[in-house]
Amino acid sequence: MATDHRKLATFTLADAFVVRVYESTRELPASERYGLQSQLRRAAVSIATNIVEGCARESDREHPRFFEVSFSSCREAIYLIDLSSRLKFIEPEISEEVALFGGRVAAALAALRKSIG
C-alpha cells in the first residue's frame, strides 16, 4: 500500500539535503555547470525522488529497492561533495558540513531500509 512520503522523517531530511547541495554548489565555476555541478545536483535530487517513488508503489515489496537506489545516490552525492572540495570548487568547511549532512541522510536511509526489509 502506498505511503505518504511527507510523513517520513527520512524524506524530510533528504529534502533538506537537496536544498543544501543546491546552495553549496551555486558558486561552482561556469565550466562545471554541465559537469560536476549537474551530476551532484542530480544525485542529491535522486535521493528524495526515489523515496517519493518508493512510497508511491502499491506493493510493499518494491519499497526496499527504491530506498536502496536512494541510499546509493546519497553515497554518490557525498563522494561528489568531497571531490568538489579536493578540486577547490567548494570551501573545505562547507564540504565537510554538507558531507556530514549527507552521512546523516545515508544513516537514516539505512535504518529505513532495515526497518522495512
C-alpha atoms as a PDB file:
ATOM      1  CA  MET A   1       0.000   0.000   0.000  1.00  0.00           C
ATOM      2  CA  ALA A   2       1.263   3.477  -0.872  1.00  0.00           C
ATOM      3  CA  THR A   3       2.710   5.607   1.927  1.00  0.00           C
ATOM      4  CA  ASP A   4       2.713   9.408   2.167  1.00  0.00           C
ATOM      5  CA  HIS A   5       6.404  10.254   1.757  1.00  0.00           C
ATOM      6  CA  ARG A   6       5.894  13.553   3.608  1.00  0.00           C
ATOM      7  CA  LYS A   7       5.272  11.570   6.798  1.00  0.00           C
ATOM      8  CA  LEU A   8       8.759  10.037   6.714  1.00  0.00           C
ATOM      9  CA  ALA A   9      11.444  11.847   8.693  1.00  0.00           C
ATOM     10  CA  THR A  10      13.951  10.369   6.237  1.00  0.00           C
ATOM     11  CA  PHE A  11      12.259  12.164   3.346  1.00  0.00           C
ATOM     12  CA  THR A  12      12.267  15.484   5.226  1.00  0.00           C
ATOM     13  CA  LEU A  13      15.990  15.064   5.908  1.00  0.00           C
ATOM     14  CA  ALA A  14      16.706  14.088   2.280  1.00  0.00           C
ATOM     15  CA  ASP A  15      14.695  17.058   1.001  1.00  0.00           C
ATOM     16  CA  ALA A  16      16.672  19.454   3.205  1.00  0.00           C
ATOM     17  CA  PHE A  17      19.893  17.858   1.938  1.00  0.00           C
ATOM     18  CA  VAL A  18      18.880  18.587  -1.665  1.00  0.00           C
ATOM     19  CA  VAL A  19      18.380  22.258  -0.803  1.00  0.00           C
ATOM     20  CA  ARG A  20      21.763  22.353   0.967  1.00  0.00           C
ATOM     21  CA  VAL A  21      23.516  20.776  -2.021  1.00  0.00           C
ATOM     22  CA  TYR A  22      21.963  23.340  -4.359  1.00  0.00           C
ATOM     23  CA  GLU A  23      23.072  26.155  -2.066  1.00  0.00           C
ATOM     24  CA  SER A  24      26.610  24.824  -1.734  1.00  0.00           C
ATOM     25  CA  THR A  25      27.079  24.297  -5.479  1.00  0.00           C
ATOM     26  CA  ARG A  26      25.732  27.666  -6.563  1.00  0.00           C
ATOM     27  CA  GLU A  27      29.246  29.123  -6.803  1.00  0.00           C
ATOM     28  CA  LEU A  28      30.874  26.318  -8.771  1.00  0.00           C
ATOM     29  CA  PRO A  29      32.681  27.562 -11.884  1.00  0.00           C
ATOM     30  CA  ALA A  30      30.600  28.014 -15.024  1.00  0.00           C
ATOM     31  CA  SER A  31      32.761  25.349 -16.662  1.00  0.00           C
ATOM     32  CA  GLU A  32      31.253  22.822 -14.214  1.00  0.00           C
ATOM     33  CA  ARG A  33      27.616  23.775 -14.832  1.00  0.00           C
ATOM     34  CA  TYR A  34      27.070  20.712 -17.055  1.00  0.00           C
ATOM     35  CA  GLY A  35      29.635  18.540 -15.331  1.00  0.00           C
ATOM     36  CA  LEU A  36      30.219  18.211 -11.624  1.00  0.00           C
ATOM     37  CA  GLN A  37      27.506  20.661 -10.558  1.00  0.00           C
ATOM     38  CA  SER A  38      24.863  18.927 -12.642  1.00  0.00           C
ATOM     39  CA  GLN A  39      25.922  15.425 -11.556  1.00  0.00           C
ATOM     40  CA  LEU A  40      25.994  16.363  -7.882  1.00  0.00           C
ATOM     41  CA  ARG A  41      22.603  18.019  -8.014  1.00  0.00           C
ATOM     42  CA  ARG A  42      21.078  15.078  -9.891  1.00  0.00           C
ATOM     43  CA  ALA A  43      22.466  12.647  -7.314  1.00  0.00           C
ATOM     44  CA  ALA A  44      21.014  14.717  -4.455  1.00  0.00           C
ATOM     45  CA  VAL A  45      17.615  15.053  -6.122  1.00  0.00           C
ATOM     46  CA  SER A  46      17.622  11.311  -6.806  1.00  0.00           C
ATOM     47  CA  ILE A  47      17.789  10.646  -3.071  1.00  0.00           C
ATOM     48  CA  ALA A  48      14.486  12.380  -2.375  1.00  0.00           C
ATOM     49  CA  THR A  49      12.731  11.378  -5.595  1.00  0.00           C
ATOM     50  CA  ASN A  50      13.441   7.685  -5.077  1.00  0.00           C
ATOM     51  CA  ILE A  51      11.943   7.909  -1.592  1.00  0.00           C
ATOM     52  CA  VAL A  52       8.848   9.506  -3.133  1.00  0.00           C
ATOM     53  CA  GLU A  53       8.656   6.892  -5.866  1.00  0.00           C
ATOM     54  CA  GLY A  54       9.171   4.012  -3.445  1.00  0.00           C
ATOM     55  CA  CYS A  55       6.430   5.315  -1.176  1.00  0.00           C
ATOM     56  CA  ALA A  56       4.077   5.671  -4.137  1.00  0.00           C
ATOM     57  CA  ARG A  57       4.317   1.995  -5.020  1.00  0.00           C
ATOM     58  CA  GLU A  58       1.348  -0.108  -4.062  1.00  0.00           C
ATOM     59  CA  SER A  59       3.461  -3.182  -3.392  1.00  0.00           C
ATOM     60  CA  ASP A  60       5.392  -3.091  -0.119  1.00  0.00           C
ATOM     61  CA  ARG A  61       7.923  -5.434  -1.752  1.00  0.00           C
ATOM     62  CA  GLU A  62       9.023  -2.620  -4.073  1.00  0.00           C
ATOM     63  CA  HIS A  63       9.811  -0.085  -1.335  1.00  0.00           C
ATOM     64  CA  PRO A  64      13.228  -1.505  -0.377  1.00  0.00           C
ATOM     65  CA  ARG A  65      14.525  -1.324  -3.959  1.00  0.00           C
ATOM     66  CA  PHE A  66      13.780   2.384  -4.269  1.00  0.00           C
ATOM     67  CA  PHE A  67      15.269   3.076  -0.843  1.00  0.00           C
ATOM     68  CA  GLU A  68      18.380   1.171  -1.928  1.00  0.00           C
ATOM     69  CA  VAL A  69      18.707   3.376  -5.025  1.00  0.00           C
ATOM     70  CA  SER A  70      18.186   6.415  -2.813  1.00  0.00           C
ATOM     71  CA  PHE A  71      20.982   5.239  -0.495  1.00  0.00           C
ATOM     72  CA  SER A  72      23.314   4.704  -3.453  1.00  0.00           C
ATOM     73  CA  SER A  73      22.582   8.197  -4.757  1.00  0.00           C
ATOM     74  CA  CYS A  74      23.350   9.580  -1.319  1.00  0.00           C
ATOM     75  CA  ARG A  75      26.748   7.889  -1.256  1.00  0.00           C
ATOM     76  CA  GLU A  76      27.377   9.267  -4.762  1.00  0.00           C
ATOM     77  CA  ALA A  77      26.500  12.799  -3.628  1.00  0.00           C
ATOM     78  CA  ILE A  78      28.830  12.540  -0.634  1.00  0.00           C
ATOM     79  CA  TYR A  79      31.680  11.453  -2.912  1.00  0.00           C
ATOM     80  CA  LEU A  80      30.995  14.311  -5.335  1.00  0.00           C
ATOM     81  CA  ILE A  81      30.982  16.841  -2.493  1.00  0.00           C
ATOM     82  CA  ASP A  82      34.378  15.524  -1.395  1.00  0.00           C
ATOM     83  CA  LEU A  83      35.662  15.664  -4.977  1.00  0.00           C
ATOM     84  CA  SER A  84      34.428  19.244  -5.339  1.00  0.00           C
ATOM     85  CA  SER A  85      36.378  20.172  -2.239  1.00  0.00           C
ATOM     86  CA  ARG A  86      39.570  18.469  -3.412  1.00  0.00           C
ATOM     87  CA  LEU A  87      39.252  20.321  -6.714  1.00  0.00           C
ATOM     88  CA  LYS A  88      38.883  23.515  -4.659  1.00  0.00           C
ATOM     89  CA  PHE A  89      35.410  24.289  -6.046  1.00  0.00           C
ATOM     90  CA  ILE A  90      33.841  24.230  -2.567  1.00  0.00           C
ATOM     91  CA  GLU A  91      35.429  25.510   0.641  1.00  0.00           C
ATOM     92  CA  PRO A  92      36.599  22.675   2.916  1.00  0.00           C
ATOM     93  CA  GLU A  93      34.367  23.803   5.808  1.00  0.00           C
ATOM     94  CA  ILE A  94      31.282  23.801   3.581  1.00  0.00           C
ATOM     95  CA  SER A  95      32.238  20.462   2.050  1.00  0.00           C
ATOM     96  CA  GLU A  96      32.669  18.891   5.472  1.00  0.00           C
ATOM     97  CA  GLU A  97      29.323  20.243   6.715  1.00  0.00           C
ATOM     98  CA  VAL A  98      27.464  19.032   3.614  1.00  0.00           C
ATOM     99  CA  ALA A  99      29.194  15.639   3.703  1.00  0.00           C
ATOM    100  CA  LEU A 100      28.243  15.199   7.369  1.00  0.00           C
ATOM    101  CA  PHE A 101      24.661  16.120   6.481  1.00  0.00           C
ATOM    102  CA  GLY A 102      24.789  13.530   3.694  1.00  0.00           C
ATOM    103  CA  GLY A 103      26.074  10.992   6.196  1.00  0.00           C
ATOM    104  CA  ARG A 104      23.033  11.636   8.393  1.00  0.00           C
ATOM    105  CA  VAL A 105      20.788  11.094   5.375  1.00  0.00           C
ATOM    106  CA  ALA A 106      22.607   7.859   4.492  1.00  0.00           C
ATOM    107  CA  ALA A 107      22.248   6.601   8.078  1.00  0.00           C
ATOM    108  CA  ALA A 108      18.527   7.420   8.067  1.00  0.00           C
ATOM    109  CA  LEU A 109      18.108   5.607   4.752  1.00  0.00           C
ATOM    110  CA  ALA A 110      19.992   2.574   6.053  1.00  0.00           C
ATOM    111  CA  ALA A 111      17.737   2.476   9.109  1.00  0.00           C
ATOM    112  CA  LEU A 112      14.645   2.847   6.938  1.00  0.00           C
ATOM    113  CA  ARG A 113      15.757   0.010   4.652  1.00  0.00           C
ATOM    114  CA  LYS A 114      16.455  -2.197   7.655  1.00  0.00           C
ATOM    115  CA  SER A 115      13.092  -1.441   9.255  1.00  0.00           C
ATOM    116  CA  ILE A 116      11.103  -2.484   6.195  1.00  0.00           C
ATOM    117  CA  GLY A 117      13.335  -5.074   4.695  1.00  0.00           C
END
